[in-house]
């Protein structure tokens, strides 16, 4: 079940401040508060999706298109059209485990600040 009180849901509702990069009616991009590189942004849909597979299997075509528009615009704003990494986490080990139960994509670029192997 989706937790409506997770930190990203609160950011989307404006209850917790964030440094927004770009937003449309379907998604938002914000600066990560614990960056692993000089550019580290989180992109998240505004709908209630727990993880990536939940989003791609349940979100409407409009929501998915709006999410990827925010991704593209954010990459353009940050001049990351050719030199970036993306990462999304899953709910269960053995891979990186998602810490907030709201689907989000990490867009990472610039200079590496720390190792993410323990992330």
C-alpha atoms as a PDB file:
ATOM      1  CA  UNK A   1       0.000   0.000   0.000  1.00  0.00           C
ATOM      2  CA  UNK A   2       1.081   3.535  -0.722  1.00  0.00           C
ATOM      3  CA  UNK A   3       2.015   5.665   2.305  1.00  0.00           C
ATOM      4  CA  UNK A   4       0.459   9.107   1.735  1.00  0.00           C
ATOM      5  CA  UNK A   5       2.700  10.544   4.464  1.00  0.00           C
ATOM      6  CA  UNK A   6       6.057   9.614   2.940  1.00  0.00           C
ATOM      7  CA  UNK A   7       8.527  12.475   2.563  1.00  0.00           C
ATOM      8  CA  UNK A   8       8.135  12.728  -1.232  1.00  0.00           C
ATOM      9  CA  UNK A   9       4.342  12.897  -0.996  1.00  0.00           C
ATOM     10  CA  UNK A  10       4.781  15.755   1.481  1.00  0.00           C
ATOM     11  CA  UNK A  11       7.239  17.525  -0.863  1.00  0.00           C
ATOM     12  CA  UNK A  12       4.814  17.161  -3.779  1.00  0.00           C
ATOM     13  CA  UNK A  13       2.000  18.639  -1.637  1.00  0.00           C
ATOM     14  CA  UNK A  14       4.275  21.533  -0.603  1.00  0.00           C
ATOM     15  CA  UNK A  15       4.347  20.533   3.077  1.00  0.00           C
ATOM     16  CA  UNK A  16       8.141  20.131   3.054  1.00  0.00           C
ATOM     17  CA  UNK A  17      10.328  22.666   1.231  1.00  0.00           C
ATOM     18  CA  UNK A  18      12.526  21.541  -1.650  1.00  0.00           C
ATOM     19  CA  UNK A  19      14.699  23.074  -4.337  1.00  0.00           C
ATOM     20  CA  UNK A  20      12.615  22.526  -7.460  1.00  0.00           C
ATOM     21  CA  UNK A  21      14.271  22.277 -10.844  1.00  0.00           C
ATOM     22  CA  UNK A  22      11.220  21.730 -13.059  1.00  0.00           C
ATOM     23  CA  UNK A  23       7.591  20.714 -12.636  1.00  0.00           C
ATOM     24  CA  UNK A  24       4.492  19.990 -14.675  1.00  0.00           C
ATOM     25  CA  UNK A  25       1.107  18.624 -13.670  1.00  0.00           C
ATOM     26  CA  UNK A  26       2.381  15.021 -13.615  1.00  0.00           C
ATOM     27  CA  UNK A  27       5.881  15.128 -12.129  1.00  0.00           C
ATOM     28  CA  UNK A  28       8.500  17.213 -10.365  1.00  0.00           C
ATOM     29  CA  UNK A  29      12.300  17.328 -10.211  1.00  0.00           C
ATOM     30  CA  UNK A  30      14.142  18.502  -7.108  1.00  0.00           C
ATOM     31  CA  UNK A  31      17.714  18.667  -5.856  1.00  0.00           C
ATOM     32  CA  UNK A  32      18.731  15.683  -3.712  1.00  0.00           C
ATOM     33  CA  UNK A  33      19.516  16.681  -0.113  1.00  0.00           C
ATOM     34  CA  UNK A  34      22.381  14.161   0.104  1.00  0.00           C
ATOM     35  CA  UNK A  35      24.048  14.353  -3.326  1.00  0.00           C
ATOM     36  CA  UNK A  36      26.576  11.812  -4.578  1.00  0.00           C
ATOM     37  CA  UNK A  37      27.724  14.177  -7.348  1.00  0.00           C
ATOM     38  CA  UNK A  38      27.752  17.904  -8.023  1.00  0.00           C
ATOM     39  CA  UNK A  39      24.459  17.437  -9.875  1.00  0.00           C
ATOM     40  CA  UNK A  40      22.061  15.014  -8.209  1.00  0.00           C
ATOM     41  CA  UNK A  41      18.370  15.434  -8.885  1.00  0.00           C
ATOM     42  CA  UNK A  42      15.321  13.347  -8.012  1.00  0.00           C
ATOM     43  CA  UNK A  43      12.494  13.099 -10.524  1.00  0.00           C
ATOM     44  CA  UNK A  44       9.194  11.762  -9.235  1.00  0.00           C
ATOM     45  CA  UNK A  45       5.653  11.430 -10.508  1.00  0.00           C
ATOM     46  CA  UNK A  46       2.965  13.237  -8.568  1.00  0.00           C
ATOM     47  CA  UNK A  47       0.776  10.137  -8.575  1.00  0.00           C
ATOM     48  CA  UNK A  48       0.843   7.487  -5.879  1.00  0.00           C
ATOM     49  CA  UNK A  49       3.348   4.927  -7.193  1.00  0.00           C
ATOM     50  CA  UNK A  50       5.591   2.948  -4.871  1.00  0.00           C
ATOM     51  CA  UNK A  51       8.375   1.928  -7.268  1.00  0.00           C
ATOM     52  CA  UNK A  52       9.332   1.848 -10.951  1.00  0.00           C
ATOM     53  CA  UNK A  53       7.395  -1.258 -11.970  1.00  0.00           C
ATOM     54  CA  UNK A  54       4.308   0.036 -10.175  1.00  0.00           C
ATOM     55  CA  UNK A  55       4.604   3.277 -12.178  1.00  0.00           C
ATOM     56  CA  UNK A  56       5.157   1.707 -15.611  1.00  0.00           C
ATOM     57  CA  UNK A  57       2.387  -0.840 -15.099  1.00  0.00           C
ATOM     58  CA  UNK A  58      -0.310   1.433 -13.609  1.00  0.00           C
ATOM     59  CA  UNK A  59       0.339   5.040 -14.670  1.00  0.00           C
ATOM     60  CA  UNK A  60      -1.682   6.409 -17.542  1.00  0.00           C
ATOM     61  CA  UNK A  61       0.001   7.255 -20.834  1.00  0.00           C
ATOM     62  CA  UNK A  62      -0.384  10.963 -19.949  1.00  0.00           C
ATOM     63  CA  UNK A  63       1.314  10.485 -16.571  1.00  0.00           C
ATOM     64  CA  UNK A  64       4.178   8.561 -18.122  1.00  0.00           C
ATOM     65  CA  UNK A  65       4.614  11.110 -20.896  1.00  0.00           C
ATOM     66  CA  UNK A  66       4.540  13.933 -18.323  1.00  0.00           C
ATOM     67  CA  UNK A  67       7.144  12.163 -16.167  1.00  0.00           C
ATOM     68  CA  UNK A  68       9.555  11.762 -19.090  1.00  0.00           C
ATOM     69  CA  UNK A  69       8.953  15.378 -20.121  1.00  0.00           C
ATOM     70  CA  UNK A  70      10.153  16.457 -16.654  1.00  0.00           C
ATOM     71  CA  UNK A  71      13.175  14.189 -17.064  1.00  0.00           C
ATOM     72  CA  UNK A  72      14.018  15.702 -20.474  1.00  0.00           C
ATOM     73  CA  UNK A  73      13.477  19.314 -19.393  1.00  0.00           C
ATOM     74  CA  UNK A  74      15.508  18.791 -16.212  1.00  0.00           C
ATOM     75  CA  UNK A  75      18.398  17.297 -18.205  1.00  0.00           C
ATOM     76  CA  UNK A  76      18.259  20.291 -20.562  1.00  0.00           C
ATOM     77  CA  UNK A  77      18.156  22.837 -17.730  1.00  0.00           C
ATOM     78  CA  UNK A  78      21.154  21.186 -16.050  1.00  0.00           C
ATOM     79  CA  UNK A  79      22.998  20.655 -19.364  1.00  0.00           C
ATOM     80  CA  UNK A  80      23.081  16.892 -18.828  1.00  0.00           C
ATOM     81  CA  UNK A  81      21.930  15.797 -22.266  1.00  0.00           C
ATOM     82  CA  UNK A  82      24.955  13.564 -22.894  1.00  0.00           C
ATOM     83  CA  UNK A  83      26.827  12.935 -19.646  1.00  0.00           C
ATOM     84  CA  UNK A  84      24.701  11.534 -16.843  1.00  0.00           C
ATOM     85  CA  UNK A  85      23.628   8.416 -14.984  1.00  0.00           C
ATOM     86  CA  UNK A  86      20.158   7.422 -13.899  1.00  0.00           C
ATOM     87  CA  UNK A  87      19.220   5.095 -11.083  1.00  0.00           C
ATOM     88  CA  UNK A  88      16.030   3.856  -9.540  1.00  0.00           C
ATOM     89  CA  UNK A  89      15.857   1.459  -6.639  1.00  0.00           C
ATOM     90  CA  UNK A  90      13.635  -1.519  -5.944  1.00  0.00           C
ATOM     91  CA  UNK A  91      11.689  -2.485  -2.845  1.00  0.00           C
ATOM     92  CA  UNK A  92      13.693  -5.593  -2.016  1.00  0.00           C
ATOM     93  CA  UNK A  93      17.342  -6.682  -1.756  1.00  0.00           C
ATOM     94  CA  UNK A  94      19.786  -7.803  -3.073  1.00  0.00           C
ATOM     95  CA  UNK A  95      20.111  -4.602  -5.099  1.00  0.00           C
ATOM     96  CA  UNK A  96      19.892  -1.020  -3.855  1.00  0.00           C
ATOM     97  CA  UNK A  97      16.811  -0.747  -1.679  1.00  0.00           C
ATOM     98  CA  UNK A  98      14.525   2.224  -2.069  1.00  0.00           C
ATOM     99  CA  UNK A  99      14.497   4.304   1.124  1.00  0.00           C
ATOM    100  CA  UNK A 100      11.311   6.285   0.381  1.00  0.00           C
ATOM    101  CA  UNK A 101       8.264   4.298  -0.805  1.00  0.00           C
ATOM    102  CA  UNK A 102       7.463   6.656  -3.686  1.00  0.00           C
ATOM    103  CA  UNK A 103       8.874   5.971  -7.151  1.00  0.00           C
ATOM    104  CA  UNK A 104      11.687   8.342  -7.995  1.00  0.00           C
ATOM    105  CA  UNK A 105      14.514   8.435 -10.499  1.00  0.00           C
ATOM    106  CA  UNK A 106      17.968   9.747  -9.630  1.00  0.00           C
ATOM    107  CA  UNK A 107      19.554  11.888 -12.361  1.00  0.00           C
ATOM    108  CA  UNK A 108      23.248  12.196 -11.565  1.00  0.00           C
ATOM    109  CA  UNK A 109      25.969  14.166 -13.342  1.00  0.00           C
ATOM    110  CA  UNK A 110      28.922  16.442 -12.877  1.00  0.00           C
ATOM    111  CA  UNK A 111      31.761  15.576 -10.530  1.00  0.00           C
ATOM    112  CA  UNK A 112      31.468  12.507  -8.285  1.00  0.00           C
ATOM    113  CA  UNK A 113      31.384  13.419  -4.588  1.00  0.00           C
ATOM    114  CA  UNK A 114      31.106  10.001  -2.969  1.00  0.00           C
ATOM    115  CA  UNK A 115      30.735   6.309  -3.711  1.00  0.00           C
ATOM    116  CA  UNK A 116      27.186   4.938  -3.985  1.00  0.00           C
ATOM    117  CA  UNK A 117      27.934   1.223  -3.557  1.00  0.00           C
ATOM    118  CA  UNK A 118      26.305   1.288  -0.093  1.00  0.00           C
ATOM    119  CA  UNK A 119      23.317   3.315  -1.245  1.00  0.00           C
END
